């Protein structure tokens, strides 16, 4: 029942002899002789979540029938391998091809030994598989996203490309991590996530609408790859935000004598003498000033291009008799 040396003694009674004749019987029990075609299979570098197929032979080199059953180890990479078949029977002198399918979901080097239990054999038939799982390789077309000098509240865009240089597709996410919720709303990435086919690329557009003047924290666009890692690549974002100084051509408007509650119109000009576009807004009247006169503008808010002016018609209707002096403010 076991592969080892057996020994026993038999005795022969001879008529006329007082002593029996001893006969020593020895035998060596040989179990099934099962071997694999190679003990180590080095599959080299393979891409993350790519499927690879291999094969080897398990052969019975003995004189009796042998059965085999795969004993799967309990390790991190063991579940990435599939064997077919995992068990079977081998007649004397026959062989069986075993197919292996491997799909690595964890990055790094691995070395796994799989043993086939053969009842009656001195030791199992084993095969060691080793290699390394690596993630997709990719690069970005820009090393820095430099917006230069930008005006508060205006949208600016930059584009860059992500190229997948590997033999498998990759699922990515791009983002601009920040500690400030306000800063996070300043950036819009399109598309923010997607899949890039093998040896293909895609264009990413970053829209920046500055709402804060020169944030203190450093900003960067980072790329996450699904199943591989976060912030694998980062591209610094640089910008200098400024608020253009807007002036009035005249700092006072005289409507002269006005009839009570009758609307009168005068034009003013907002001047932008800077190289940046500007936004303006007429601040609403408070309830106290509205009891003196009603003031409105034909363009209460808008934009002024660089080195240009914006004419605005102001309408005033007095609400009481007497001299009226009323400030209006633009933001």
Protein backbone atom coordinates (compact mmCIF):
# COMPACT_ATOMS: atom_id res chain seq x y z
CA UNK A 1 0.00 0.00 0.00
CA UNK A 2 3.04 2.30 0.28
CA UNK A 3 6.25 2.65 -1.75
CA UNK A 4 8.85 1.10 0.59
CA UNK A 5 10.84 -2.08 1.22
CA UNK A 6 8.90 -5.02 2.65
CA UNK A 7 10.50 -8.02 4.38
CA UNK A 8 9.27 -11.14 6.09
CA UNK A 9 10.65 -14.58 7.07
CA UNK A 10 9.09 -17.91 6.12
CA UNK A 11 10.02 -21.23 7.78
CA UNK A 12 10.17 -24.70 6.20
CA UNK A 13 9.65 -27.79 8.33
CA UNK A 14 11.82 -30.74 7.17
CA UNK A 15 10.96 -34.24 8.31
CA UNK A 16 13.68 -35.63 10.50
CA UNK A 17 15.13 -32.19 11.38
CA UNK A 18 14.62 -30.55 14.67
CA UNK A 19 15.12 -27.01 13.37
CA UNK A 20 13.08 -25.28 10.69
CA UNK A 21 14.80 -23.76 7.71
CA UNK A 22 14.31 -19.93 7.59
CA UNK A 23 13.59 -18.20 4.24
CA UNK A 24 13.89 -14.37 4.15
CA UNK A 25 11.63 -12.73 1.58
CA UNK A 26 12.32 -9.11 0.58
CA UNK A 27 10.46 -6.89 -1.91
CA UNK A 28 10.53 -3.21 -2.88
CA UNK A 29 7.11 -1.71 -3.56
CA UNK A 30 7.27 0.90 -6.33
CA UNK A 31 4.41 3.40 -6.57
CA UNK A 32 3.20 5.28 -9.64
CA UNK A 33 5.98 7.12 -11.51
CA UNK A 34 4.36 10.42 -12.54
CA UNK A 35 6.41 13.36 -13.83
CA UNK A 36 5.72 16.72 -15.41
CA UNK A 37 7.41 17.83 -18.65
CA UNK A 38 9.24 20.66 -16.87
CA UNK A 39 9.51 21.65 -13.27
CA UNK A 40 9.74 25.44 -13.71
CA UNK A 41 7.82 27.64 -16.16
CA UNK A 42 9.05 31.26 -16.34
CA UNK A 43 6.34 33.28 -18.06
CA UNK A 44 8.26 36.57 -17.81
CA UNK A 45 6.51 39.93 -17.71
CA UNK A 46 2.78 40.03 -18.38
CA UNK A 47 0.36 42.95 -18.35
CA UNK A 48 -2.16 43.51 -15.60
CA UNK A 49 -5.48 41.70 -16.27
CA UNK A 50 -4.27 40.28 -19.60
CA UNK A 51 -5.03 36.61 -20.27
CA UNK A 52 -2.17 34.25 -21.16
CA UNK A 53 -2.29 30.53 -21.93
CA UNK A 54 0.36 27.86 -21.45
CA UNK A 55 0.53 24.03 -21.43
CA UNK A 56 2.63 21.20 -20.07
CA UNK A 57 2.42 17.39 -19.99
CA UNK A 58 1.98 15.13 -17.00
CA UNK A 59 3.17 11.61 -17.84
CA UNK A 60 2.98 8.17 -16.19
CA UNK A 61 6.38 6.53 -16.67
CA UNK A 62 5.60 3.60 -14.43
CA UNK A 63 4.00 0.20 -15.03
CA UNK A 64 0.74 0.77 -13.15
CA UNK A 65 -2.20 3.14 -13.56
CA UNK A 66 -1.91 6.44 -11.68
CA UNK A 67 -4.42 9.10 -10.69
CA UNK A 68 -3.60 12.74 -10.04
CA UNK A 69 -5.36 15.69 -8.35
CA UNK A 70 -4.22 19.31 -8.25
CA UNK A 71 -3.48 20.71 -4.79
CA UNK A 72 -3.96 24.48 -5.04
CA UNK A 73 -1.90 26.63 -2.62
CA UNK A 74 -3.56 29.34 -0.55
CA UNK A 75 -1.54 32.35 -1.71
CA UNK A 76 -2.18 35.74 -3.29
CA UNK A 77 -1.46 34.71 -6.88
CA UNK A 78 -2.81 31.14 -6.78
CA UNK A 79 -6.33 32.20 -7.79
CA UNK A 80 -4.94 33.86 -10.92
CA UNK A 81 -4.17 30.41 -12.41
CA UNK A 82 -6.65 28.00 -13.96
CA UNK A 83 -5.67 24.39 -14.78
CA UNK A 84 -7.60 22.12 -17.11
CA UNK A 85 -8.02 19.34 -16.24
CA UNK A 86 -7.24 19.53 -12.53
CA UNK A 87 -7.49 15.76 -12.03
CA UNK A 88 -7.46 12.58 -14.06
CA UNK A 89 -6.17 9.04 -14.54
CA UNK A 90 -3.08 7.96 -16.46
CA UNK A 91 -2.58 4.48 -17.82
CA UNK A 92 0.92 3.06 -17.70
CA UNK A 93 3.11 4.81 -20.25
CA UNK A 94 0.52 7.49 -21.13
CA UNK A 95 0.54 11.29 -20.77
CA UNK A 96 -2.00 14.08 -20.38
CA UNK A 97 -1.65 17.70 -21.55
CA UNK A 98 -2.58 20.23 -18.88
CA UNK A 99 -3.66 23.70 -20.06
CA UNK A 100 -2.90 26.75 -17.89
CA UNK A 101 -4.70 30.09 -18.09
CA UNK A 102 -3.24 33.04 -16.19
CA UNK A 103 -4.79 36.48 -15.55
CA UNK A 104 -2.86 38.59 -13.04
CA UNK A 105 -4.86 41.11 -11.02
CA UNK A 106 -2.09 42.06 -8.60
CA UNK A 107 1.09 43.89 -9.58
CA UNK A 108 4.50 42.51 -8.72
CA UNK A 109 6.67 39.40 -8.96
CA UNK A 110 5.26 35.98 -8.21
CA UNK A 111 6.48 32.40 -7.83
CA UNK A 112 3.85 29.74 -7.21
CA UNK A 113 4.34 25.98 -6.91
CA UNK A 114 1.41 23.74 -7.80
CA UNK A 115 1.54 20.08 -6.75
CA UNK A 116 -0.44 17.16 -8.19
CA UNK A 117 -1.18 14.58 -5.53
CA UNK A 118 -0.61 11.05 -6.82
CA UNK A 119 -1.85 8.33 -4.42
CA UNK A 120 0.84 5.74 -3.84
CA UNK A 121 3.69 7.89 -5.13
CA UNK A 122 6.63 8.82 -2.93
CA UNK A 123 6.13 12.54 -3.68
CA UNK A 124 3.70 14.68 -5.68
CA UNK A 125 4.42 15.88 -9.20
CA UNK A 126 5.05 19.64 -8.97
CA UNK A 127 5.42 22.57 -11.33
CA UNK A 128 6.62 26.08 -10.36
CA UNK A 129 5.33 29.12 -12.26
CA UNK A 130 7.04 32.45 -11.89
CA UNK A 131 6.95 35.85 -13.56
CA UNK A 132 5.94 39.46 -13.02
CA UNK A 133 2.68 41.35 -13.47
CA UNK A 134 3.11 44.92 -14.68
CA UNK A 135 0.61 47.70 -15.30
CA UNK A 136 -0.07 49.48 -18.60
CA UNK A 137 2.60 51.90 -19.76
CA UNK A 138 1.59 55.38 -20.89
CA UNK A 139 2.88 58.92 -21.24
CA UNK A 140 1.46 62.43 -21.39
CA UNK A 141 2.14 64.93 -24.15
CA UNK A 142 2.90 67.82 -21.74
CA UNK A 143 5.10 68.10 -18.68
CA UNK A 144 3.40 71.26 -17.43
CA UNK A 145 0.07 73.05 -17.89
CA UNK A 146 0.97 76.74 -17.85
CA UNK A 147 -1.99 79.12 -18.21
CA UNK A 148 0.19 82.19 -17.70
CA UNK A 149 -1.56 85.42 -16.67
CA UNK A 150 -5.33 84.92 -16.40
CA UNK A 151 -8.26 87.17 -15.52
CA UNK A 152 -10.61 86.40 -12.65
CA UNK A 153 -13.87 84.75 -13.72
CA UNK A 154 -12.93 83.96 -17.32
CA UNK A 155 -12.58 80.44 -18.76
CA UNK A 156 -9.22 79.26 -20.08
CA UNK A 157 -8.48 75.86 -21.62
CA UNK A 158 -5.47 73.66 -22.16
CA UNK A 159 -5.32 70.27 -23.86
CA UNK A 160 -2.97 67.33 -23.50
CA UNK A 161 -2.93 63.77 -24.78
CA UNK A 162 -2.57 60.49 -22.90
CA UNK A 163 -0.90 57.79 -25.03
CA UNK A 164 -1.25 54.12 -24.10
CA UNK A 165 2.04 52.50 -25.13
CA UNK A 166 1.19 49.00 -23.90
CA UNK A 167 -0.41 45.97 -25.56
CA UNK A 168 -3.57 46.12 -23.45
CA UNK A 169 -6.29 48.71 -22.92
CA UNK A 170 -6.21 50.91 -19.84
CA UNK A 171 -8.99 52.54 -17.84
CA UNK A 172 -8.01 55.93 -16.50
CA UNK A 173 -9.29 58.79 -14.36
CA UNK A 174 -7.87 62.33 -14.43
CA UNK A 175 -8.41 64.80 -11.61
CA UNK A 176 -7.00 67.91 -9.92
CA UNK A 177 -6.68 67.13 -6.20
CA UNK A 178 -7.06 70.15 -3.92
CA UNK A 179 -7.72 70.88 -0.26
CA UNK A 180 -10.14 73.69 -1.09
CA UNK A 181 -13.69 73.07 -2.29
CA UNK A 182 -13.64 76.41 -4.12
CA UNK A 183 -10.46 75.55 -5.97
CA UNK A 184 -11.97 72.21 -6.95
CA UNK A 185 -14.84 73.99 -8.71
CA UNK A 186 -12.41 76.04 -10.79
CA UNK A 187 -11.32 73.04 -12.88
CA UNK A 188 -13.32 70.98 -15.34
CA UNK A 189 -11.77 67.95 -17.07
CA UNK A 190 -13.28 66.50 -20.24
CA UNK A 191 -13.39 63.53 -20.30
CA UNK A 192 -12.62 62.91 -16.66
CA UNK A 193 -12.44 59.13 -17.14
CA UNK A 194 -12.41 56.60 -19.93
CA UNK A 195 -10.68 53.69 -21.61
CA UNK A 196 -7.77 53.88 -24.04
CA UNK A 197 -7.22 50.96 -26.40
CA UNK A 198 -3.79 49.39 -26.79
CA UNK A 199 -1.35 51.67 -28.63
CA UNK A 200 -3.96 54.42 -28.87
CA UNK A 201 -4.29 57.86 -27.31
CA UNK A 202 -6.97 60.31 -26.22
CA UNK A 203 -7.21 64.07 -25.77
CA UNK A 204 -7.98 65.61 -22.36
CA UNK A 205 -9.26 69.19 -22.06
CA UNK A 206 -8.74 71.12 -18.84
CA UNK A 207 -10.93 74.19 -18.38
CA UNK A 208 -9.85 76.65 -15.73
CA UNK A 209 -12.14 79.40 -14.44
CA UNK A 210 -10.17 81.23 -11.72
CA UNK A 211 -12.23 82.24 -8.70
CA UNK A 212 -9.35 82.88 -6.32
CA UNK A 213 -6.34 85.11 -6.83
CA UNK A 214 -3.11 83.09 -6.79
CA UNK A 215 -3.90 80.11 -4.50
CA UNK A 216 -1.15 79.18 -2.05
CA UNK A 217 -1.28 75.40 -2.58
CA UNK A 218 0.47 73.71 -5.49
CA UNK A 219 -1.88 72.22 -8.06
CA UNK A 220 -1.39 69.36 -10.50
CA UNK A 221 -3.36 67.16 -12.85
CA UNK A 222 -2.94 63.51 -11.83
CA UNK A 223 -3.73 60.27 -13.67
CA UNK A 224 -5.18 57.20 -11.91
CA UNK A 225 -5.22 53.81 -13.65
CA UNK A 226 -7.97 51.41 -12.60
CA UNK A 227 -6.62 48.42 -10.69
CA UNK A 228 -3.04 49.71 -10.86
CA UNK A 229 -2.78 52.81 -8.66
CA UNK A 230 -3.67 56.45 -8.01
CA UNK A 231 -1.70 59.51 -9.07
CA UNK A 232 0.73 57.45 -11.15
CA UNK A 233 1.65 60.55 -13.15
CA UNK A 234 1.20 64.23 -12.26
CA UNK A 235 1.44 67.36 -14.40
CA UNK A 236 1.95 70.66 -12.53
CA UNK A 237 -0.60 73.44 -13.16
CA UNK A 238 0.67 77.01 -13.14
CA UNK A 239 -1.31 80.25 -13.46
CA UNK A 240 -1.24 83.80 -12.16
CA UNK A 241 -4.68 85.27 -11.56
CA UNK A 242 -5.29 89.00 -11.64
CA UNK A 243 -8.37 91.23 -11.34
CA UNK A 244 -8.15 94.10 -13.89
CA UNK A 245 -8.66 97.61 -12.53
CA UNK A 246 -11.70 99.27 -14.11
CA UNK A 247 -12.13 103.06 -14.03
CA UNK A 248 -14.89 105.53 -14.94
CA UNK A 249 -14.30 108.26 -17.51
CA UNK A 250 -16.32 110.65 -15.31
CA UNK A 251 -16.79 110.20 -11.60
CA UNK A 252 -20.05 112.17 -11.48
CA UNK A 253 -23.23 112.47 -13.57
CA UNK A 254 -25.36 115.62 -13.56
CA UNK A 255 -28.98 115.21 -14.64
CA UNK A 256 -29.81 118.87 -13.99
CA UNK A 257 -33.38 119.76 -13.09
CA UNK A 258 -35.68 116.73 -13.24
CA UNK A 259 -39.41 116.30 -12.94
CA UNK A 260 -40.48 114.05 -10.07
CA UNK A 261 -40.69 110.35 -11.04
CA UNK A 262 -39.84 111.09 -14.68
CA UNK A 263 -36.96 108.97 -16.09
CA UNK A 264 -33.86 110.73 -17.38
CA UNK A 265 -30.93 109.13 -19.21
CA UNK A 266 -27.19 109.75 -19.21
CA UNK A 267 -24.27 107.75 -20.58
CA UNK A 268 -21.15 106.79 -18.68
CA UNK A 269 -18.12 104.81 -19.80
CA UNK A 270 -16.25 102.06 -17.99
CA UNK A 271 -12.59 101.90 -19.08
CA UNK A 272 -10.40 98.80 -19.11
CA UNK A 273 -6.80 99.90 -19.67
CA UNK A 274 -5.27 96.48 -18.92
CA UNK A 275 -4.26 93.53 -21.10
CA UNK A 276 -6.86 91.27 -19.48
CA UNK A 277 -10.62 91.08 -20.00
CA UNK A 278 -12.76 92.24 -17.11
CA UNK A 279 -16.20 91.57 -15.71
CA UNK A 280 -18.38 94.23 -14.10
CA UNK A 281 -21.68 94.36 -12.25
CA UNK A 282 -23.81 97.28 -11.06
CA UNK A 283 -24.50 96.76 -7.40
CA UNK A 284 -28.22 96.80 -6.52
CA UNK A 285 -29.65 99.76 -4.65
CA UNK A 286 -30.38 99.46 -0.99
CA UNK A 287 -33.86 100.25 0.31
CA UNK A 288 -32.79 103.61 1.78
CA UNK A 289 -31.43 105.03 -1.49
CA UNK A 290 -34.47 103.80 -3.42
CA UNK A 291 -36.61 106.27 -1.46
CA UNK A 292 -34.53 109.11 -2.94
CA UNK A 293 -34.34 108.02 -6.59
CA UNK A 294 -34.59 104.92 -8.73
CA UNK A 295 -31.43 104.11 -10.71
CA UNK A 296 -31.06 101.49 -13.43
CA UNK A 297 -28.60 100.63 -16.24
CA UNK A 298 -29.22 99.19 -19.71
CA UNK A 299 -26.27 96.82 -19.16
CA UNK A 300 -26.11 96.17 -15.43
CA UNK A 301 -23.45 93.48 -15.88
CA UNK A 302 -21.14 92.32 -18.62
CA UNK A 303 -17.60 92.03 -19.89
CA UNK A 304 -15.05 94.56 -21.12
CA UNK A 305 -12.31 93.36 -23.51
CA UNK A 306 -8.69 94.39 -22.92
CA UNK A 307 -7.79 98.01 -23.74
CA UNK A 308 -11.40 98.98 -24.47
CA UNK A 309 -14.39 100.80 -23.01
CA UNK A 310 -17.99 99.96 -22.26
CA UNK A 311 -20.69 102.63 -22.68
CA UNK A 312 -23.59 102.22 -20.24
CA UNK A 313 -26.82 104.20 -20.15
CA UNK A 314 -27.91 105.16 -16.64
CA UNK A 315 -31.59 105.91 -16.03
CA UNK A 316 -32.57 108.00 -13.02
CA UNK A 317 -36.08 108.80 -11.75
CA UNK A 318 -36.31 110.96 -8.63
CA UNK A 319 -38.62 109.92 -5.82
CA UNK A 320 -38.65 113.14 -3.80
CA UNK A 321 -38.37 116.90 -4.29
CA UNK A 322 -35.22 118.83 -3.72
CA UNK A 323 -31.56 118.30 -4.42
CA UNK A 324 -30.66 114.66 -4.92
CA UNK A 325 -27.15 113.29 -4.47
CA UNK A 326 -26.98 109.50 -4.89
CA UNK A 327 -23.93 107.22 -5.25
CA UNK A 328 -23.96 104.18 -7.53
CA UNK A 329 -21.28 101.47 -7.42
CA UNK A 330 -19.88 98.93 -9.85
CA UNK A 331 -18.16 95.74 -8.79
